[in-house]
Protein backbone atom coordinates (compact mmCIF):
# COMPACT_ATOMS: atom_id res chain seq x y z
CA MET A 1 52.95 52.26 -24.04
CA ARG A 2 53.52 49.63 -26.73
CA PRO A 3 56.29 47.05 -26.34
CA HIS A 4 59.41 48.00 -28.30
CA SER A 5 60.48 44.44 -29.06
CA LEU A 6 59.01 40.97 -29.38
CA LYS A 7 60.92 40.05 -26.22
CA GLU A 8 59.21 42.86 -24.33
CA ALA A 9 55.80 41.84 -25.68
CA VAL A 10 56.28 38.26 -24.48
CA ALA A 11 57.34 39.54 -21.04
CA ARG A 12 53.91 41.23 -20.78
CA ILE A 13 51.88 38.13 -21.66
CA GLY A 14 51.45 37.04 -18.04
CA GLN A 15 49.91 40.39 -17.08
CA GLN A 16 47.94 41.26 -20.22
CA GLY A 17 47.03 37.96 -21.87
CA PHE A 18 48.55 36.60 -25.06
CA PHE A 19 47.24 38.67 -27.95
CA ARG A 20 47.10 42.17 -26.48
CA PRO A 21 50.87 42.67 -26.02
CA LEU A 22 51.55 40.82 -29.27
CA ASN A 23 49.17 43.06 -31.22
CA GLU A 24 50.66 46.17 -29.63
CA PHE A 25 54.12 44.94 -30.63
CA LEU A 26 52.93 44.41 -34.21
CA ASP A 27 51.65 48.00 -34.32
CA GLU A 28 55.08 49.17 -33.15
CA PHE A 29 56.86 46.91 -35.66
CA TYR A 30 54.81 48.14 -38.61
CA LEU A 31 55.50 51.79 -37.76
CA ALA A 32 59.23 51.30 -37.12
CA GLN A 33 61.94 52.45 -39.50
CA GLU A 34 64.46 49.88 -38.21
CA ARG A 35 62.59 46.61 -37.76
CA GLN A 36 65.43 44.10 -37.37
CA ALA A 37 66.26 45.15 -33.81
CA LEU A 38 62.65 44.52 -32.75
CA ILE A 39 62.93 40.77 -33.37
CA ASN A 40 66.63 40.05 -32.75
CA GLU A 41 66.56 39.43 -29.02
CA GLU A 42 65.19 36.06 -27.98
CA PRO A 43 61.90 36.25 -26.07
CA ASP A 44 61.59 34.12 -22.95
CA LEU A 45 59.60 30.93 -23.23
CA THR A 46 56.10 31.13 -21.76
CA GLY A 47 55.90 27.44 -20.89
CA ASP A 48 52.88 26.99 -23.14
CA ASP A 49 53.80 24.96 -26.24
CA TRP A 50 51.32 26.71 -28.53
CA GLN A 51 52.31 30.20 -27.39
CA ASP A 52 56.03 29.46 -27.68
CA SER A 53 55.53 28.03 -31.16
CA TYR A 54 53.40 30.99 -32.21
CA ILE A 55 56.06 33.45 -30.97
CA GLY A 56 58.68 31.57 -33.01
CA ALA A 57 56.41 31.81 -36.05
CA VAL A 58 55.89 35.54 -35.49
CA GLY A 59 59.65 36.21 -35.36
CA GLU A 60 60.34 34.13 -38.45
CA HIS A 61 57.35 35.41 -40.43
CA LEU A 62 58.16 39.07 -39.78
CA ALA A 63 61.76 38.48 -40.86
CA ARG A 64 60.71 36.70 -44.05
CA ARG A 65 57.90 39.15 -44.87
CA TRP A 66 60.12 42.23 -44.56
CA GLY A 67 63.38 40.79 -45.93
CA LEU A 68 65.15 40.81 -42.56
CA THR A 69 67.64 38.34 -41.17
CA ILE A 70 65.83 35.45 -39.52
CA PRO A 71 66.98 35.39 -35.89
CA PRO A 72 68.52 32.05 -34.82
CA TRP A 73 66.29 31.76 -31.74
CA VAL A 74 63.25 30.96 -33.94
CA ASP A 75 64.74 27.52 -34.71
CA ASP A 76 64.80 26.43 -31.07
CA PRO A 77 63.00 23.04 -31.02
CA ARG A 78 60.87 24.30 -28.13
CA ARG A 79 59.29 26.74 -30.60
CA PHE A 80 57.66 23.95 -32.65
CA LEU A 81 54.48 21.98 -32.01
CA GLY A 82 54.37 18.19 -32.14
CA SER A 83 50.87 18.02 -33.59
CA PRO A 84 48.85 20.26 -35.92
CA CYS A 85 46.81 23.17 -34.63
CA PHE A 86 44.22 24.91 -36.80
CA ALA A 87 43.06 28.49 -36.29
CA ASP A 88 39.51 27.40 -37.05
CA ASP A 89 38.22 24.03 -35.86
CA ALA A 90 35.71 23.86 -38.72
CA GLN A 91 36.53 20.87 -40.92
CA TRP A 92 35.66 22.78 -44.09
CA ALA A 93 38.31 25.43 -43.31
CA LYS A 94 41.25 23.03 -42.92
CA PRO A 95 42.11 22.74 -46.64
CA VAL A 96 42.13 26.52 -46.97
CA LEU A 97 44.29 26.95 -43.86
CA LEU A 98 46.70 24.24 -45.07
CA ARG A 99 47.03 26.08 -48.37
CA ASP A 100 47.25 29.64 -47.05
CA SER A 101 49.38 29.37 -43.92
CA PRO A 102 52.72 31.18 -44.27
CA ILE A 103 55.78 28.94 -44.10
CA ALA A 104 56.84 30.19 -40.65
CA PHE A 105 53.53 29.00 -39.22
CA ARG A 106 53.26 25.87 -41.35
CA ARG A 107 56.71 24.68 -40.22
CA ARG A 108 55.42 24.77 -36.66
CA LEU A 109 52.18 22.97 -37.55
CA ILE A 110 50.13 26.10 -36.93
CA PHE A 111 47.62 26.52 -39.72
CA THR A 112 46.10 29.94 -40.14
CA GLU A 113 45.09 32.55 -42.70
CA ALA A 114 47.55 33.97 -45.26
CA GLU A 115 48.21 37.18 -43.27
CA PRO A 116 47.84 36.13 -39.64
CA LEU A 117 49.67 39.23 -38.36
CA ARG A 118 47.58 41.81 -40.21
CA ARG A 119 46.69 44.89 -38.17
CA ALA A 120 45.17 48.29 -38.92
CA ARG A 121 48.71 49.66 -39.13
CA PHE A 122 49.74 46.92 -41.57
CA PRO A 123 51.81 48.75 -44.21
CA LYS A 124 50.01 49.24 -47.51
CA GLU A 125 53.05 48.09 -49.50
CA ALA A 126 53.11 44.84 -47.53
CA ALA A 127 49.46 44.18 -48.26
CA GLU A 128 50.15 44.57 -51.97
CA GLY A 129 53.37 42.50 -51.92
CA SER A 130 53.79 38.78 -52.37
CA ARG A 131 53.39 36.24 -49.56
CA GLN A 132 56.28 34.25 -48.18
């Protein structure tokens, strides 16, 4: 059963690893009619700076991407890295990642591709829409 909120997905990280519950949550989010409720409740901190920052970026990015209200919990200073982290350690990729990273990830010094939360269930209209 997929997690029904970002908070629930984060609660499963200890048992299932980081990306599995997050990806299952994204599938649920993309299929949902009412998306705001899925990101409103603040997820617990994992204690891992990168994971906590990434979760903050996920909440903010989903809100921005789908025109939702950005939940206040995403601005918690514990959800920001102190030094840059690149999705790909290859030096040649850094300029592309700096350019393409969505603002929610860039603000947290996480540099990644333009659609880091893309899944098979990613809505077609979102894929055709503009980036934020």
